Amino acid sequence: MKRERSARILATLGPASSTVERIRALAEAGADVFRLNFSHGSHADHAERVQQIRQVERELGRPIGVLMDLQGPKLRVGRFADGKVMLAPGARFRLDLASAEGDARRATLPHPEIFAALEVGTELLLDDGKLRLRVDAFGPDFADTTVLVGGVLSDRKGVNVPGVVLPISPLTAKDRADLDFGLGLDVDWVALSFVQRPEDIREARALIGERAWIMAKLEKPAAIDQLEPIVALADGIMVARGDLGVELPPQQVPVLQRRIVRAARAAGKPVVVATQMLESMISAPVPTRAEASDVATAIYDGADAVMLSAESASGQYPVEAVAIMHRIICEVEKDPAWRAGLEASHTPAEANTPDAICCALRRVTGLLEPAATVAYTSSGFSALRASRERPVTPILALTAQPATARRLALVWGVHPVPFEEVHDVAEMVEHAGASAIGHGFAAAGDVIVIIAGLPFGRSGGTNLLHVLRISG
């Protein structure tokens, strides 16, 4: 299960991929981490998926990460007496807290937090942006609006408020119950929806602690205004382009995608590009050329991972979608322009010992072209800092912590390898050479580079770089 690529693939599980056989096929085709979407499915369903993933992990002998994706707040209008209404451009339309079924003049919006954040002129988007309303007047329990872009509005359609920070927690009662359940399953990553501000990450961290790494889903324009503080607090970032594209003009999304990827790379945080990457493969055996280019663009930008959603969860060709994504990544990473782009967008190291060691690692691997880098890590810190440098060699992350190995399965260039603790430098060097050979990354006579922290077992203490020629 050695990967011949640096970027990773995150595949969503669902009805089309809910058996051990299909999960194994997805992993063999190239999936490194599996996403469980808690917007759908029961707790029993998700528990079974985790059990199946762990079975496949044991069979393949490769750590596999599990990401639980929390639903987050869903802002929706209420129901209509006739199931739907037609809103004409220029018409007046009221949203309020009344529980009566809606009609062509009003609808229920059971979210007082929205009314509290409105201003005259605020625009409201309904049904994924298909309809647009302008707020003319409002109070604590209503908003009178003018229809700017009309159309059919039916029961329970979503509401977006672009450009406004809503006083809403990213964790609903459902999310808290799901989170408690998911942490009990030992998931490796928690994707946090509806992130608007750094405080949202702190709120989640207070509940999660160190039991999983937190991935902030950037799907609200308000989060972009707080990008650097959010990146600093999260363990990883997801560019959730679907929701982001609802509240922003489509031409802005590619620019923001690149900005987010660069911010995450600069901070050494894994970044995932998600949503509609191979959308046509839900019903077709091959992607469009534009979709292939979309995946390639994320890889050229240096993203850690690309994600499949409905393509692998409910599509007709889930294994084929993973396989073609794998092939696209491999093709890009053969291109000399890919490596040149990574070098051009490299962020200078910070003035501390771990960054100095990893900066030296980048220079050493570039000069010596060793077979592999071996990073001894307990918390994952050493492997993350090594990955931030985007070295030319694969990174074997040797860790005695199974949870750390699974979390690192999402990280660019990192091949996590569980192993027993070492106690001195001589034992460390011996294990590094044996692991590089045993996992197919090196042979006798090859050079490898080793980074670690002394004393062993101390998180964030990377302070050693050793060049080893493996004896015959």
Protein backbone atom coordinates (compact mmCIF):
# COMPACT_ATOMS: atom_id res chain seq x y z
CA MET A 1 0.00 0.00 0.00
CA LYS A 2 2.95 2.34 -0.62
CA ARG A 3 1.64 5.51 -2.29
CA GLU A 4 3.55 6.82 -5.29
CA ARG A 5 2.25 10.35 -4.71
CA SER A 6 2.45 13.09 -2.08
CA ALA A 7 -1.10 14.54 -2.14
CA ARG A 8 -3.80 12.53 -0.41
CA ILE A 9 -7.39 11.52 -1.23
CA LEU A 10 -10.31 11.92 1.17
CA ALA A 11 -13.32 9.85 0.12
CA THR A 12 -16.83 10.12 1.58
CA LEU A 13 -18.64 6.92 2.49
CA GLY A 14 -22.35 6.47 1.89
CA PRO A 15 -24.90 4.12 0.31
CA ALA A 16 -22.62 3.40 -2.66
CA SER A 17 -19.67 2.51 -0.43
CA SER A 18 -21.04 0.83 2.67
CA THR A 19 -19.52 -2.65 2.58
CA VAL A 20 -16.12 -3.96 3.61
CA GLU A 21 -15.48 -5.02 0.01
CA ARG A 22 -16.23 -1.57 -1.38
CA ILE A 23 -14.23 0.23 1.31
CA ARG A 24 -11.28 -2.08 0.62
CA ALA A 25 -11.60 -1.36 -3.10
CA LEU A 26 -11.62 2.39 -2.45
CA ALA A 27 -8.51 2.14 -0.26
CA GLU A 28 -6.70 0.02 -2.85
CA ALA A 29 -7.70 2.51 -5.57
CA GLY A 30 -6.14 5.36 -3.60
CA ALA A 31 -8.32 6.59 -0.72
CA ASP A 32 -6.19 7.54 2.30
CA VAL A 33 -8.87 8.88 4.65
CA PHE A 34 -12.62 8.26 4.82
CA ARG A 35 -15.22 10.91 5.61
CA LEU A 36 -18.40 10.13 7.52
CA ASN A 37 -21.04 12.77 6.81
CA PHE A 38 -23.11 13.18 9.98
CA SER A 39 -25.74 15.15 8.05
CA HIS A 40 -26.92 11.73 6.90
CA GLY A 41 -27.16 8.28 8.42
CA SER A 42 -27.75 7.00 11.93
CA HIS A 43 -25.24 6.50 14.70
CA ALA A 44 -25.49 2.77 14.09
CA ASP A 45 -24.62 3.31 10.42
CA HIS A 46 -21.53 5.35 11.29
CA ALA A 47 -20.40 2.90 13.95
CA GLU A 48 -20.58 0.09 11.39
CA ARG A 49 -18.57 2.15 8.87
CA VAL A 50 -15.81 2.77 11.42
CA GLN A 51 -15.68 -0.93 12.25
CA GLN A 52 -15.43 -1.74 8.54
CA ILE A 53 -12.66 0.81 8.00
CA ARG A 54 -10.66 -0.64 10.88
CA GLN A 55 -11.07 -4.13 9.43
CA VAL A 56 -9.74 -2.94 6.06
CA GLU A 57 -6.92 -1.13 7.85
CA ARG A 58 -5.85 -4.36 9.53
CA GLU A 59 -6.06 -6.31 6.26
CA LEU A 60 -4.00 -3.78 4.29
CA GLY A 61 -1.51 -3.01 7.06
CA ARG A 62 -1.75 0.72 6.45
CA PRO A 63 -3.10 3.40 8.84
CA ILE A 64 -6.38 4.84 7.52
CA GLY A 65 -7.83 8.07 8.88
CA VAL A 66 -11.50 8.62 9.73
CA LEU A 67 -12.99 12.12 9.52
CA MET A 68 -16.41 12.85 11.02
CA ASP A 69 -18.09 15.84 9.37
CA LEU A 70 -20.55 17.62 11.67
CA GLN A 71 -23.71 19.00 10.11
CA GLY A 72 -23.61 22.41 11.81
CA PRO A 73 -26.49 24.90 11.94
CA LYS A 74 -28.95 24.64 9.07
CA LEU A 75 -30.85 27.89 8.55
CA ARG A 76 -34.09 27.20 6.70
CA VAL A 77 -37.47 28.77 6.03
CA GLY A 78 -40.57 26.96 7.30
CA ARG A 79 -43.26 25.18 5.36
CA PHE A 80 -45.80 26.63 2.91
CA ALA A 81 -49.52 25.93 2.82
CA ASP A 82 -49.25 24.72 -0.78
CA GLY A 83 -45.73 23.31 -0.47
CA LYS A 84 -44.21 26.11 -2.54
CA VAL A 85 -44.76 29.67 -3.75
CA MET A 86 -43.62 31.78 -6.68
CA LEU A 87 -41.80 35.00 -5.72
CA ALA A 88 -41.76 37.59 -8.48
CA PRO A 89 -38.95 40.16 -8.79
CA GLY A 90 -39.97 43.43 -7.11
CA ALA A 91 -42.54 41.76 -4.84
CA ARG A 92 -42.61 42.41 -1.09
CA PHE A 93 -42.03 39.39 1.13
CA ARG A 94 -41.92 39.09 4.91
CA LEU A 95 -39.92 36.63 7.01
CA ASP A 96 -40.95 36.25 10.64
CA LEU A 97 -41.06 33.96 13.66
CA ALA A 98 -44.78 33.14 13.37
CA SER A 99 -45.42 29.43 13.14
CA ALA A 100 -48.25 29.62 10.57
CA GLU A 101 -47.56 28.04 7.18
CA GLY A 102 -46.27 30.46 4.58
CA ASP A 103 -47.78 31.89 1.43
CA ALA A 104 -46.76 34.30 -1.35
CA ARG A 105 -46.58 37.19 1.15
CA ARG A 106 -44.67 35.69 4.10
CA ALA A 107 -42.81 32.68 5.44
CA THR A 108 -41.53 31.47 8.76
CA LEU A 109 -37.83 31.96 9.49
CA PRO A 110 -37.36 30.29 12.90
CA HIS A 111 -33.98 31.86 13.59
CA PRO A 112 -34.12 35.00 15.78
CA GLU A 113 -30.32 35.18 15.55
CA ILE A 114 -30.68 36.21 11.89
CA PHE A 115 -33.03 39.07 12.69
CA ALA A 116 -30.64 40.25 15.42
CA ALA A 117 -27.78 40.55 12.90
CA LEU A 118 -29.63 42.30 10.05
CA GLU A 119 -29.20 45.80 8.70
CA VAL A 120 -31.23 47.70 6.12
CA GLY A 121 -29.85 46.68 2.73
CA THR A 122 -28.65 43.24 3.87
CA GLU A 123 -29.25 40.62 1.18
CA LEU A 124 -30.66 37.19 2.01
CA LEU A 125 -30.04 34.21 -0.26
CA LEU A 126 -32.59 31.41 -0.43
CA ASP A 127 -32.32 27.89 -1.87
CA ASP A 128 -28.54 27.92 -2.45
CA GLY A 129 -28.61 31.44 -3.82
CA LYS A 130 -31.28 30.84 -6.46
CA LEU A 131 -33.45 33.56 -4.89
CA ARG A 132 -32.24 36.88 -3.50
CA LEU A 133 -34.04 39.24 -1.12
CA ARG A 134 -33.09 42.74 0.12
CA VAL A 135 -33.97 43.74 3.68
CA ASP A 136 -35.96 47.01 3.76
CA ALA A 137 -37.04 46.97 7.42
CA PHE A 138 -36.59 44.59 10.33
CA GLY A 139 -37.21 43.99 14.01
CA PRO A 140 -36.35 41.33 16.55
CA ASP A 141 -38.95 38.96 15.05
CA PHE A 142 -39.39 39.97 11.40
CA ALA A 143 -37.77 41.25 8.22
CA ASP A 144 -39.63 43.00 5.40
CA THR A 145 -37.86 42.41 2.12
CA THR A 146 -38.01 43.11 -1.60
CA VAL A 147 -37.46 40.24 -4.02
CA LEU A 148 -34.40 41.01 -6.18
CA VAL A 149 -34.13 37.63 -7.91
CA GLY A 150 -37.33 35.62 -7.95
CA GLY A 151 -38.31 32.03 -8.51
CA VAL A 152 -40.00 29.10 -6.83
CA LEU A 153 -39.47 28.80 -3.07
CA SER A 154 -40.52 25.51 -1.48
CA ASP A 155 -40.61 24.01 2.02
CA ARG A 156 -37.50 24.04 4.22
CA LYS A 157 -35.14 25.67 1.73
CA GLY A 158 -31.89 27.04 3.10
CA VAL A 159 -31.15 30.66 3.97
CA ASN A 160 -27.74 32.33 3.70
CA VAL A 161 -26.78 35.75 5.00
CA PRO A 162 -23.56 36.73 3.21
CA GLY A 163 -21.31 39.35 4.73
CA VAL A 164 -22.85 39.07 8.20
CA VAL A 165 -21.40 37.37 11.27
CA LEU A 166 -24.33 35.56 12.84
CA PRO A 167 -24.41 35.13 16.64
CA ILE A 168 -24.77 31.37 16.28
CA SER A 169 -22.61 28.60 17.70
CA PRO A 170 -21.21 26.20 15.08
CA LEU A 171 -22.30 23.33 17.35
CA THR A 172 -26.01 22.56 17.54
CA ALA A 173 -27.54 20.14 20.05
CA LYS A 174 -27.41 17.49 17.31
CA ASP A 175 -23.74 18.24 16.65
CA ARG A 176 -22.88 17.89 20.33
CA ALA A 177 -24.61 14.53 20.52
CA ASP A 178 -22.93 13.41 17.29
CA LEU A 179 -19.57 14.63 18.53
CA ASP A 180 -19.85 12.72 21.78
CA PHE A 181 -20.74 9.59 19.82
CA GLY A 182 -18.01 10.05 17.20
CA LEU A 183 -15.28 10.63 19.76
CA GLY A 184 -16.39 7.41 21.40
CA LEU A 185 -15.63 5.68 18.08
CA ASP A 186 -12.09 7.15 18.15
CA VAL A 187 -12.47 9.17 14.96
CA ASP A 188 -9.25 10.91 13.97
CA TRP A 189 -10.52 14.22 12.58
CA VAL A 190 -13.59 16.35 13.31
CA ALA A 191 -14.69 18.67 10.51
CA LEU A 192 -16.38 21.72 12.04
CA SER A 193 -19.05 23.36 9.89
CA PHE A 194 -20.26 26.98 9.99
CA VAL A 195 -16.96 28.40 11.23
CA GLN A 196 -17.15 32.21 11.31
CA ARG A 197 -14.53 33.30 13.88
CA PRO A 198 -11.63 31.96 15.96
CA GLU A 199 -13.92 31.57 18.98
CA ASP A 200 -15.74 28.79 17.11
CA ILE A 201 -12.54 26.71 17.08
CA ARG A 202 -11.99 27.38 20.78
CA GLU A 203 -15.52 26.23 21.56
CA ALA A 204 -14.98 22.97 19.70
CA ARG A 205 -11.56 22.47 21.27
CA ALA A 206 -13.05 22.74 24.76
CA LEU A 207 -15.24 19.74 23.92
CA ILE A 208 -12.78 17.71 21.85
CA GLY A 209 -9.52 18.33 23.66
CA GLU A 210 -6.77 16.12 22.25
CA ARG A 211 -9.07 13.23 21.34
CA ALA A 212 -9.15 14.25 17.67
CA TRP A 213 -7.74 16.92 15.37
CA ILE A 214 -10.09 19.71 14.31
CA MET A 215 -10.58 20.63 10.66
CA ALA A 216 -12.18 24.04 10.16
CA LYS A 217 -14.49 24.08 7.14
CA LEU A 218 -14.23 27.49 5.50
CA GLU A 219 -17.64 27.96 3.94
CA LYS A 220 -18.62 31.41 5.27
CA PRO A 221 -17.18 34.69 3.91
CA ALA A 222 -16.94 35.93 7.51
CA ALA A 223 -14.31 33.24 8.13
CA ILE A 224 -12.11 34.66 5.35
CA ASP A 225 -11.91 37.96 7.25
CA GLN A 226 -10.45 35.97 10.17
CA LEU A 227 -8.44 33.53 8.06
CA GLU A 228 -5.05 33.65 9.77
CA PRO A 229 -6.37 33.42 13.37
CA ILE A 230 -8.66 30.52 12.39
CA VAL A 231 -5.81 28.70 10.64
CA ALA A 232 -3.60 29.21 13.70
CA LEU A 233 -6.15 27.59 16.04
CA ALA A 234 -7.33 24.71 13.82
CA ASP A 235 -5.38 21.51 13.14
CA GLY A 236 -6.45 21.48 9.49
CA ILE A 237 -8.48 23.47 6.97
CA MET A 238 -11.09 22.48 4.41
CA VAL A 239 -11.94 24.74 1.47
CA ALA A 240 -15.69 24.01 1.37
CA ARG A 241 -16.29 25.48 -2.05
CA GLY A 242 -19.95 24.53 -2.39
CA ASP A 243 -21.25 26.65 0.47
CA LEU A 244 -18.59 29.30 -0.06
CA GLY A 245 -19.78 29.64 -3.65
CA VAL A 246 -23.35 30.26 -2.54
CA GLU A 247 -22.50 33.40 -0.58
CA LEU A 248 -19.80 34.72 -2.91
CA PRO A 249 -19.71 35.43 -6.64
CA PRO A 250 -18.32 32.34 -8.40
CA GLN A 251 -15.37 34.25 -9.84
CA GLN A 252 -14.08 34.91 -6.33
CA VAL A 253 -13.97 31.27 -5.21
CA PRO A 254 -10.82 30.21 -7.15
CA VAL A 255 -8.95 33.24 -5.82
CA LEU A 256 -9.99 32.49 -2.25
CA GLN A 257 -9.16 28.80 -2.69
CA ARG A 258 -5.58 29.70 -3.54
CA ARG A 259 -5.38 32.21 -0.67
CA ILE A 260 -6.67 29.64 1.85
CA VAL A 261 -4.30 26.93 0.60
CA ARG A 262 -1.33 29.27 0.91
CA ALA A 263 -2.33 30.41 4.40
CA ALA A 264 -2.64 26.81 5.58
CA ARG A 265 0.65 25.81 3.96
CA ALA A 266 2.43 28.77 5.54
CA ALA A 267 1.18 27.67 8.96
CA GLY A 268 2.04 24.01 8.34
CA LYS A 269 -1.60 22.93 8.66
CA PRO A 270 -3.06 20.25 6.34
CA VAL A 271 -5.50 21.75 3.82
CA VAL A 272 -8.19 19.90 1.87
CA VAL A 273 -9.87 21.19 -1.30
CA ALA A 274 -13.45 19.88 -1.41
CA THR A 275 -16.76 19.89 -3.27
CA GLN A 276 -17.72 19.06 -6.85
CA MET A 277 -14.22 17.98 -7.86
CA LEU A 278 -15.42 15.10 -10.07
CA GLU A 279 -19.14 15.83 -9.88
CA SER A 280 -20.02 14.34 -13.24
CA MET A 281 -18.75 10.94 -12.06
CA ILE A 282 -21.83 10.59 -9.89
CA SER A 283 -23.43 9.27 -13.06
CA ALA A 284 -20.60 8.95 -15.62
CA PRO A 285 -17.58 6.61 -15.65
CA VAL A 286 -15.12 9.38 -16.58
CA PRO A 287 -14.86 13.03 -15.47
CA THR A 288 -15.01 16.08 -17.69
CA ARG A 289 -11.74 17.66 -18.77
CA ALA A 290 -12.60 20.72 -16.69
CA GLU A 291 -12.99 18.55 -13.59
CA ALA A 292 -9.63 16.91 -14.19
CA SER A 293 -8.12 20.38 -14.48
CA ASP A 294 -9.82 21.41 -11.23
CA VAL A 295 -8.21 18.53 -9.34
CA ALA A 296 -4.87 19.31 -10.98
CA THR A 297 -5.07 22.97 -9.96
CA ALA A 298 -5.44 22.02 -6.30
CA ILE A 299 -2.39 19.77 -6.57
CA TYR A 300 -0.31 22.43 -8.34
CA ASP A 301 -1.22 24.83 -5.50
CA GLY A 302 0.20 22.34 -2.99
CA ALA A 303 -3.00 21.19 -1.25
CA ASP A 304 -2.51 18.27 1.12
CA ALA A 305 -5.62 16.44 -0.04
CA VAL A 306 -8.55 16.56 -2.43
CA MET A 307 -11.98 15.26 -1.47
CA LEU A 308 -14.74 13.26 -3.09
CA SER A 309 -18.27 13.76 -1.76
CA ALA A 310 -21.29 12.32 -3.58
CA GLU A 311 -18.94 10.81 -6.18
CA SER A 312 -17.86 8.11 -3.70
CA ALA A 313 -20.82 8.24 -1.29
CA SER A 314 -23.79 7.82 -3.60
CA GLY A 315 -22.48 7.84 -7.17
CA GLN A 316 -22.53 5.00 -9.64
CA TYR A 317 -18.72 4.87 -10.01
CA PRO A 318 -17.14 5.38 -6.56
CA VAL A 319 -14.02 3.24 -7.10
CA GLU A 320 -13.47 4.68 -10.57
CA ALA A 321 -13.70 8.22 -9.13
CA VAL A 322 -10.97 7.49 -6.59
CA ALA A 323 -8.84 5.77 -9.24
CA ILE A 324 -9.00 8.67 -11.71
CA MET A 325 -8.29 11.18 -8.94
CA HIS A 326 -5.22 9.10 -8.04
CA ARG A 327 -4.07 9.12 -11.66
CA ILE A 328 -4.56 12.88 -12.02
CA ILE A 329 -2.46 13.52 -8.91
CA CYS A 330 0.30 11.18 -10.09
CA GLU A 331 0.40 12.85 -13.51
CA VAL A 332 0.68 16.34 -12.00
CA GLU A 333 3.42 15.27 -9.62
CA LYS A 334 5.51 14.02 -12.56
CA ASP A 335 5.47 17.53 -14.05
CA PRO A 336 8.64 19.53 -13.29
CA ALA A 337 6.43 22.65 -13.14
CA TRP A 338 4.66 21.16 -10.09
CA ARG A 339 7.91 21.00 -8.10
CA ALA A 340 8.93 24.45 -9.37
CA GLY A 341 5.59 25.84 -8.20
CA LEU A 342 6.02 24.36 -4.74
CA GLU A 343 9.47 25.91 -4.49
CA ALA A 344 8.20 29.30 -5.67
CA SER A 345 5.37 29.33 -3.12
CA HIS A 346 7.48 28.07 -0.22
CA THR A 347 7.12 30.01 3.03
CA PRO A 348 10.33 30.87 4.92
CA ALA A 349 10.87 28.95 8.15
CA GLU A 350 10.29 30.59 11.50
CA ALA A 351 13.17 31.32 13.87
CA ASN A 352 12.88 28.28 16.13
CA THR A 353 14.71 24.97 16.42
CA PRO A 354 12.08 22.65 14.84
CA ASP A 355 11.70 24.93 11.82
CA ALA A 356 15.46 25.29 11.51
CA ILE A 357 15.85 21.49 11.46
CA CYS A 358 13.09 21.06 8.87
CA CYS A 359 14.44 23.93 6.77
CA ALA A 360 17.80 22.14 6.79
CA LEU A 361 15.94 18.92 5.86
CA ARG A 362 14.57 20.61 2.76
CA ARG A 363 18.05 21.74 1.71
CA VAL A 364 19.66 18.38 2.47
CA THR A 365 17.05 16.38 0.55
CA GLY A 366 17.34 18.78 -2.37
CA LEU A 367 21.11 18.35 -2.52
CA LEU A 368 21.53 14.66 -1.67
CA GLU A 369 18.25 13.34 -3.13
CA PRO A 370 17.99 10.60 -0.50
CA ALA A 371 15.56 7.72 -0.82
CA ALA A 372 13.38 8.90 2.07
CA THR A 373 13.04 11.07 5.13
CA VAL A 374 12.23 9.33 8.40
CA ALA A 375 10.50 11.50 11.02
CA TYR A 376 10.16 10.15 14.53
CA THR A 377 7.05 11.71 16.04
CA SER A 378 4.77 11.25 19.02
CA SER A 379 2.21 14.01 18.56
CA GLY A 380 2.68 14.34 14.79
CA PHE A 381 4.45 17.71 15.10
CA SER A 382 7.75 16.64 13.52
CA ALA A 383 5.98 15.10 10.52
CA LEU A 384 3.80 18.19 10.07
CA ARG A 385 6.77 20.54 10.11
CA ALA A 386 8.64 18.30 7.68
CA SER A 387 5.61 18.22 5.37
CA ARG A 388 5.35 22.02 5.51
CA GLU A 389 8.74 22.18 3.78
CA ARG A 390 7.47 20.01 0.90
CA PRO A 391 10.74 18.02 0.62
CA VAL A 392 11.52 16.03 -2.52
CA THR A 393 11.54 12.74 -0.59
CA PRO A 394 8.62 10.78 0.89
CA ILE A 395 8.32 11.22 4.67
CA LEU A 396 8.02 8.08 6.78
CA ALA A 397 6.43 9.17 10.05
CA LEU A 398 7.36 6.61 12.67
CA THR A 399 5.10 6.87 15.70
CA ALA A 400 4.18 4.68 18.61
CA GLN A 401 0.73 6.32 18.75
CA PRO A 402 -1.90 4.66 16.47
CA ALA A 403 -4.08 7.79 16.64
CA THR A 404 -1.19 9.96 15.43
CA ALA A 405 -0.50 7.58 12.54
CA ARG A 406 -4.13 7.73 11.41
CA ARG A 407 -4.30 11.52 11.65
CA LEU A 408 -1.15 11.86 9.58
CA ALA A 409 -2.69 9.79 6.77
CA LEU A 410 -4.19 13.08 5.50
CA VAL A 411 -0.89 14.99 5.40
CA TRP A 412 1.06 15.76 2.22
CA GLY A 413 3.97 13.41 1.58
CA VAL A 414 3.61 11.57 4.89
CA HIS A 415 3.52 7.77 5.08
CA PRO A 416 2.60 6.95 8.70
CA VAL A 417 4.23 3.85 10.15
CA PRO A 418 3.30 2.51 13.61
CA PHE A 419 6.28 1.17 15.56
CA GLU A 420 7.51 0.47 19.07
CA GLU A 421 9.22 3.22 21.09
CA VAL A 422 12.98 3.66 20.72
CA HIS A 423 15.20 4.58 23.65
CA ASP A 424 18.48 5.87 22.23
CA VAL A 425 19.97 7.26 19.03
CA ALA A 426 21.57 3.98 17.97
CA GLU A 427 18.23 2.17 18.19
CA MET A 428 16.56 5.08 16.36
CA VAL A 429 18.99 4.85 13.45
CA GLU A 430 18.62 1.08 13.22
CA HIS A 431 14.80 1.26 13.19
CA ALA A 432 14.81 4.06 10.61
CA GLY A 433 16.87 2.07 8.12
CA ALA A 434 14.87 -1.12 8.68
CA SER A 435 11.55 0.72 8.25
CA ALA A 436 12.65 2.47 5.06
CA ILE A 437 13.67 -0.88 3.58
CA GLY A 438 10.70 -2.81 4.96
CA HIS A 439 8.14 -0.39 3.52
CA GLY A 440 9.75 -0.27 0.10
CA PHE A 441 11.22 3.24 0.22
CA ALA A 442 14.92 2.37 0.31
CA ALA A 443 17.42 -0.42 -0.25
CA ALA A 444 20.82 -1.27 1.15
CA GLY A 445 23.32 1.38 0.11
CA ASP A 446 20.70 4.16 -0.14
CA VAL A 447 20.87 7.37 1.86
CA ILE A 448 18.01 8.41 4.14
CA VAL A 449 17.58 11.48 6.34
CA ILE A 450 16.29 11.15 9.89
CA ILE A 451 14.73 13.89 12.04
CA ALA A 452 13.66 13.48 15.65
CA GLY A 453 13.47 15.20 18.99
CA LEU A 454 15.66 14.47 21.98
CA PRO A 455 14.79 13.43 24.58
CA PHE A 456 12.37 10.98 22.91
CA GLY A 457 8.66 11.33 23.52
CA ARG A 458 8.59 15.09 24.02
CA SER A 459 6.09 16.78 21.70
CA GLY A 460 7.31 19.64 19.52
CA GLY A 461 10.98 19.09 20.35
CA THR A 462 12.43 18.37 16.89
CA ASN A 463 16.13 19.14 17.31
CA LEU A 464 18.09 16.40 15.51
CA LEU A 465 18.90 15.74 11.84
CA HIS A 466 20.94 12.66 10.91
CA VAL A 467 22.04 11.49 7.44
CA LEU A 468 22.37 7.70 7.18
CA ARG A 469 23.68 5.47 4.43
CA ILE A 470 22.00 2.12 4.96
CA SER A 471 24.53 -0.63 5.28
CA GLY A 472 24.33 -3.70 3.07
